[in-house]
Each structure stands twice: as structure tokens, then as C-alpha cells.
Amino acid sequence: MAKDIFERTMSALREAEAHAKGEPSAGMVVHVPETVDVAQIRKRTGKVQTAFAASIGVPVSTLRQWEHQRRQPQGAARVLLAMLEKNPQVVEETLGSMPR
């Protein structure tokens, strides 16, 4: 019994170490879309540009660049926007309500 607990604990620690090093975890696959329709996502949240930009932590000028498709969000911003596309209330549910 103790040996089984030890082995499971060590396995979990190895997975945690690999994750901390940025290595992919077994069974964990994340799909991040290449492009996102930022204007459509914002409209689904019901927020004006200034409130939406504040809620996701970007300058309004950046949001406008995305909405006019002059630029595409990258990295964590694209992940957050993909999450908002699936659940327009994810920011409020996670961090609390923001002004509209």
C-alpha cells in the first residue's frame, strides 16, 4: 500500500517537473485557434471597447487593431479570447464583475 502511494506521488512529481519545464504533459492537448474574430467575441460579452479592453488587460488601441484585423492577438491574449469565445462570462466568473 505504501509503495503504491509512493509510486503515484513520484509519478505526479515527475509530471509536475516536466510541466514546469514547459514539456507537454501526457493526455493534455490544447487547441489554440490561428485566428479569432475579436469584434464578434467582444460583442457577445455585451461590452463597449473600453470596458472590454480593460477586462482583458490590453490598451483600447490594441483592441481596435485586432477588431479592424490590422493585427492578430498572439500568445496568452489569443488563448484568453478563445476562452471568451466559448464562455463570454469567463473573465467575470473568474475575476469578478467589471464595468460595462
N, C-alpha and C. Protein backbone atom coordinates (compact mmCIF):
# COMPACT_ATOMS: atom_id res chain seq x y z
N MET A 1 0.83 -1.19 0.00
CA MET A 1 0.00 0.00 0.00
C MET A 1 0.87 1.25 0.00
N ALA A 2 1.86 1.33 0.90
CA ALA A 2 2.73 2.49 0.99
C ALA A 2 3.56 2.64 -0.29
N LYS A 3 3.98 1.51 -0.85
CA LYS A 3 4.77 1.55 -2.08
C LYS A 3 3.94 2.13 -3.23
N ASP A 4 2.66 1.76 -3.31
CA ASP A 4 1.77 2.27 -4.34
C ASP A 4 1.60 3.78 -4.19
N ILE A 5 1.41 4.25 -2.98
CA ILE A 5 1.27 5.69 -2.74
C ILE A 5 2.55 6.42 -3.13
N PHE A 6 3.69 5.85 -2.77
CA PHE A 6 4.97 6.45 -3.12
C PHE A 6 5.13 6.54 -4.63
N GLU A 7 4.82 5.47 -5.36
CA GLU A 7 4.97 5.46 -6.81
C GLU A 7 4.05 6.49 -7.48
N ARG A 8 2.80 6.59 -7.01
CA ARG A 8 1.88 7.57 -7.58
C ARG A 8 2.35 8.99 -7.29
N THR A 9 2.87 9.21 -6.10
CA THR A 9 3.38 10.53 -5.73
C THR A 9 4.58 10.90 -6.60
N MET A 10 5.49 9.97 -6.79
CA MET A 10 6.67 10.23 -7.61
C MET A 10 6.27 10.49 -9.06
N SER A 11 5.31 9.75 -9.55
CA SER A 11 4.84 9.95 -10.91
C SER A 11 4.25 11.36 -11.06
N ALA A 12 3.46 11.77 -10.11
CA ALA A 12 2.86 13.11 -10.14
C ALA A 12 3.94 14.18 -10.07
N LEU A 13 4.96 13.97 -9.25
CA LEU A 13 6.06 14.94 -9.16
C LEU A 13 6.84 15.03 -10.47
N ARG A 14 7.05 13.91 -11.14
CA ARG A 14 7.73 13.94 -12.43
C ARG A 14 6.91 14.70 -13.46
N GLU A 15 5.59 14.49 -13.46
CA GLU A 15 4.72 15.22 -14.37
C GLU A 15 4.76 16.72 -14.08
N ALA A 16 4.74 17.08 -12.79
CA ALA A 16 4.79 18.50 -12.40
C ALA A 16 6.11 19.12 -12.83
N GLU A 17 7.20 18.40 -12.67
CA GLU A 17 8.51 18.90 -13.08
C GLU A 17 8.55 19.11 -14.59
N ALA A 18 8.03 18.15 -15.35
CA ALA A 18 8.01 18.28 -16.81
C ALA A 18 7.15 19.48 -17.23
N HIS A 19 6.02 19.66 -16.58
CA HIS A 19 5.14 20.80 -16.87
C HIS A 19 5.86 22.11 -16.58
N ALA A 20 6.57 22.19 -15.45
CA ALA A 20 7.30 23.40 -15.08
C ALA A 20 8.39 23.72 -16.09
N LYS A 21 8.94 22.71 -16.73
CA LYS A 21 9.98 22.91 -17.74
C LYS A 21 9.39 23.23 -19.11
N GLY A 22 8.06 23.23 -19.20
CA GLY A 22 7.41 23.54 -20.47
C GLY A 22 7.23 22.35 -21.38
N GLU A 23 7.49 21.16 -20.87
CA GLU A 23 7.32 19.95 -21.66
C GLU A 23 5.84 19.58 -21.69
N PRO A 24 5.35 19.03 -22.79
CA PRO A 24 3.94 18.66 -22.85
C PRO A 24 3.63 17.51 -21.88
N SER A 25 2.49 17.62 -21.24
CA SER A 25 2.05 16.58 -20.32
C SER A 25 1.28 15.51 -21.08
N ALA A 26 1.39 14.29 -20.62
CA ALA A 26 0.66 13.19 -21.24
C ALA A 26 -0.84 13.44 -21.10
N GLY A 27 -1.56 13.33 -22.20
CA GLY A 27 -3.00 13.49 -22.16
C GLY A 27 -3.49 14.93 -22.21
N MET A 28 -2.59 15.90 -22.15
CA MET A 28 -3.01 17.30 -22.18
C MET A 28 -2.75 17.88 -23.57
N VAL A 29 -3.84 18.18 -24.28
CA VAL A 29 -3.74 18.78 -25.60
C VAL A 29 -4.58 20.05 -25.60
N VAL A 30 -3.96 21.16 -25.98
CA VAL A 30 -4.66 22.44 -26.02
C VAL A 30 -4.70 22.91 -27.46
N HIS A 31 -5.89 23.22 -27.94
CA HIS A 31 -6.05 23.75 -29.29
C HIS A 31 -6.25 25.25 -29.20
N VAL A 32 -5.33 26.02 -29.74
CA VAL A 32 -5.46 27.47 -29.81
C VAL A 32 -5.68 27.82 -31.27
N PRO A 33 -6.81 28.46 -31.59
CA PRO A 33 -7.08 28.78 -32.99
C PRO A 33 -6.04 29.75 -33.56
N GLU A 34 -5.80 29.65 -34.86
CA GLU A 34 -4.85 30.54 -35.52
C GLU A 34 -5.34 31.98 -35.54
N THR A 35 -6.64 32.15 -35.74
CA THR A 35 -7.23 33.49 -35.76
C THR A 35 -8.49 33.50 -34.89
N VAL A 36 -8.83 34.66 -34.40
CA VAL A 36 -10.06 34.83 -33.64
C VAL A 36 -10.75 36.11 -34.12
N ASP A 37 -12.07 36.11 -34.11
CA ASP A 37 -12.86 37.28 -34.50
C ASP A 37 -13.10 38.11 -33.25
N VAL A 38 -12.19 39.02 -32.98
CA VAL A 38 -12.21 39.78 -31.73
C VAL A 38 -13.46 40.63 -31.61
N ALA A 39 -13.88 41.29 -32.68
CA ALA A 39 -15.08 42.13 -32.63
C ALA A 39 -16.31 41.30 -32.26
N GLN A 40 -16.43 40.13 -32.85
CA GLN A 40 -17.57 39.25 -32.57
C GLN A 40 -17.53 38.77 -31.11
N ILE A 41 -16.36 38.43 -30.64
CA ILE A 41 -16.21 37.97 -29.26
C ILE A 41 -16.59 39.08 -28.29
N ARG A 42 -16.09 40.29 -28.54
CA ARG A 42 -16.42 41.43 -27.66
C ARG A 42 -17.91 41.69 -27.65
N LYS A 43 -18.53 41.68 -28.82
CA LYS A 43 -19.97 41.95 -28.90
C LYS A 43 -20.77 40.91 -28.12
N ARG A 44 -20.31 39.66 -28.13
CA ARG A 44 -21.01 38.62 -27.37
C ARG A 44 -20.94 38.87 -25.87
N THR A 45 -19.89 39.57 -25.42
CA THR A 45 -19.79 39.88 -23.99
C THR A 45 -20.72 41.03 -23.60
N GLY A 46 -21.17 41.81 -24.61
CA GLY A 46 -22.04 42.94 -24.34
C GLY A 46 -21.30 44.18 -23.87
N LYS A 47 -19.99 44.21 -24.04
CA LYS A 47 -19.19 45.34 -23.55
C LYS A 47 -18.79 46.26 -24.68
N VAL A 48 -18.65 47.54 -24.33
CA VAL A 48 -18.07 48.51 -25.27
C VAL A 48 -16.56 48.28 -25.29
N GLN A 49 -15.90 48.85 -26.30
CA GLN A 49 -14.46 48.61 -26.47
C GLN A 49 -13.65 48.94 -25.23
N THR A 50 -13.91 50.07 -24.59
CA THR A 50 -13.10 50.47 -23.44
C THR A 50 -13.24 49.49 -22.28
N ALA A 51 -14.45 49.05 -22.01
CA ALA A 51 -14.68 48.11 -20.91
C ALA A 51 -14.09 46.74 -21.23
N PHE A 52 -14.24 46.30 -22.47
CA PHE A 52 -13.71 45.00 -22.86
C PHE A 52 -12.19 45.00 -22.78
N ALA A 53 -11.57 46.04 -23.32
CA ALA A 53 -10.11 46.14 -23.28
C ALA A 53 -9.62 46.11 -21.83
N ALA A 54 -10.28 46.86 -20.95
CA ALA A 54 -9.88 46.87 -19.54
C ALA A 54 -10.04 45.49 -18.91
N SER A 55 -11.10 44.79 -19.28
CA SER A 55 -11.37 43.49 -18.66
C SER A 55 -10.35 42.43 -19.05
N ILE A 56 -9.72 42.58 -20.23
CA ILE A 56 -8.72 41.60 -20.64
C ILE A 56 -7.30 42.14 -20.53
N GLY A 57 -7.17 43.37 -20.02
CA GLY A 57 -5.85 43.92 -19.74
C GLY A 57 -5.03 44.36 -20.93
N VAL A 58 -5.71 44.91 -21.95
CA VAL A 58 -4.99 45.44 -23.11
C VAL A 58 -5.42 46.88 -23.36
N PRO A 59 -4.55 47.68 -23.98
CA PRO A 59 -4.95 49.04 -24.34
C PRO A 59 -6.07 49.02 -25.38
N VAL A 60 -6.93 50.04 -25.35
CA VAL A 60 -8.02 50.14 -26.32
C VAL A 60 -7.45 50.18 -27.74
N SER A 61 -6.32 50.83 -27.93
CA SER A 61 -5.72 50.90 -29.27
C SER A 61 -5.38 49.51 -29.79
N THR A 62 -4.90 48.64 -28.92
CA THR A 62 -4.60 47.26 -29.32
C THR A 62 -5.88 46.54 -29.71
N LEU A 63 -6.92 46.68 -28.91
CA LEU A 63 -8.20 46.05 -29.22
C LEU A 63 -8.70 46.51 -30.58
N ARG A 64 -8.61 47.80 -30.84
CA ARG A 64 -9.07 48.32 -32.14
C ARG A 64 -8.26 47.74 -33.30
N GLN A 65 -6.95 47.57 -33.11
CA GLN A 65 -6.12 46.95 -34.15
C GLN A 65 -6.60 45.53 -34.44
N TRP A 66 -6.93 44.81 -33.38
CA TRP A 66 -7.44 43.44 -33.54
C TRP A 66 -8.79 43.44 -34.23
N GLU A 67 -9.69 44.34 -33.79
CA GLU A 67 -11.04 44.35 -34.35
C GLU A 67 -11.05 44.73 -35.83
N HIS A 68 -10.14 45.60 -36.23
CA HIS A 68 -10.06 46.01 -37.64
C HIS A 68 -9.15 45.09 -38.44
N GLN A 69 -8.71 44.02 -37.80
CA GLN A 69 -7.89 42.96 -38.40
C GLN A 69 -6.58 43.48 -39.00
N ARG A 70 -6.05 44.55 -38.40
CA ARG A 70 -4.73 45.03 -38.79
C ARG A 70 -3.65 44.19 -38.11
N ARG A 71 -4.04 43.61 -36.98
CA ARG A 71 -3.14 42.72 -36.23
C ARG A 71 -3.98 41.59 -35.67
N GLN A 72 -3.32 40.49 -35.31
CA GLN A 72 -3.98 39.36 -34.65
C GLN A 72 -3.39 39.19 -33.26
N PRO A 73 -4.22 38.90 -32.27
CA PRO A 73 -3.69 38.64 -30.93
C PRO A 73 -2.77 37.42 -30.96
N GLN A 74 -1.77 37.45 -30.10
CA GLN A 74 -0.80 36.36 -30.03
C GLN A 74 -0.75 35.80 -28.61
N GLY A 75 -0.21 34.62 -28.47
CA GLY A 75 0.08 34.02 -27.17
C GLY A 75 -1.11 33.97 -26.23
N ALA A 76 -0.88 34.46 -25.01
CA ALA A 76 -1.90 34.38 -23.95
C ALA A 76 -3.16 35.15 -24.31
N ALA A 77 -3.03 36.25 -25.05
CA ALA A 77 -4.21 37.02 -25.44
C ALA A 77 -5.12 36.19 -26.34
N ARG A 78 -4.51 35.45 -27.27
CA ARG A 78 -5.32 34.61 -28.16
C ARG A 78 -5.99 33.48 -27.39
N VAL A 79 -5.28 32.93 -26.42
CA VAL A 79 -5.88 31.88 -25.58
C VAL A 79 -7.07 32.43 -24.81
N LEU A 80 -6.89 33.60 -24.17
CA LEU A 80 -7.98 34.21 -23.41
C LEU A 80 -9.17 34.51 -24.32
N LEU A 81 -8.92 35.05 -25.50
CA LEU A 81 -10.02 35.35 -26.42
C LEU A 81 -10.73 34.07 -26.88
N ALA A 82 -9.99 33.01 -27.09
CA ALA A 82 -10.62 31.73 -27.45
C ALA A 82 -11.51 31.24 -26.31
N MET A 83 -11.05 31.45 -25.07
CA MET A 83 -11.87 31.07 -23.92
C MET A 83 -13.13 31.93 -23.86
N LEU A 84 -13.00 33.23 -24.13
CA LEU A 84 -14.16 34.13 -24.13
C LEU A 84 -15.13 33.77 -25.24
N GLU A 85 -14.62 33.25 -26.35
CA GLU A 85 -15.49 32.83 -27.44
C GLU A 85 -16.39 31.68 -26.98
N LYS A 86 -15.83 30.77 -26.18
CA LYS A 86 -16.60 29.63 -25.66
C LYS A 86 -17.52 30.05 -24.51
N ASN A 87 -17.02 30.97 -23.67
CA ASN A 87 -17.78 31.41 -22.50
C ASN A 87 -17.56 32.90 -22.30
N PRO A 88 -18.48 33.75 -22.83
CA PRO A 88 -18.30 35.19 -22.76
C PRO A 88 -18.22 35.76 -21.33
N GLN A 89 -18.58 34.99 -20.33
CA GLN A 89 -18.52 35.46 -18.95
C GLN A 89 -17.31 34.92 -18.19
N VAL A 90 -16.37 34.27 -18.86
CA VAL A 90 -15.27 33.62 -18.15
C VAL A 90 -14.45 34.60 -17.31
N VAL A 91 -14.25 35.83 -17.78
CA VAL A 91 -13.47 36.80 -17.01
C VAL A 91 -14.20 37.16 -15.73
N GLU A 92 -15.49 37.49 -15.84
CA GLU A 92 -16.26 37.85 -14.65
C GLU A 92 -16.37 36.69 -13.68
N GLU A 93 -16.59 35.48 -14.23
CA GLU A 93 -16.72 34.31 -13.36
C GLU A 93 -15.41 34.04 -12.61
N THR A 94 -14.30 34.35 -13.25
CA THR A 94 -13.00 34.06 -12.65
C THR A 94 -12.48 35.20 -11.79
N LEU A 95 -12.62 36.42 -12.27
CA LEU A 95 -12.00 37.57 -11.60
C LEU A 95 -12.98 38.55 -10.96
N GLY A 96 -14.26 38.37 -11.18
CA GLY A 96 -15.25 39.30 -10.64
C GLY A 96 -15.80 40.18 -11.73
N SER A 97 -16.83 40.90 -11.42
CA SER A 97 -17.53 41.73 -12.39
C SER A 97 -16.73 42.98 -12.73
N MET A 98 -16.74 43.33 -14.01
CA MET A 98 -16.09 44.56 -14.50
C MET A 98 -17.18 45.47 -15.03
N PRO A 99 -16.97 46.79 -15.00
CA PRO A 99 -17.98 47.72 -15.52
C PRO A 99 -18.19 47.53 -17.03
N ARG A 100 -19.40 47.75 -17.48
CA ARG A 100 -19.72 47.62 -18.91
C ARG A 100 -19.45 48.90 -19.64
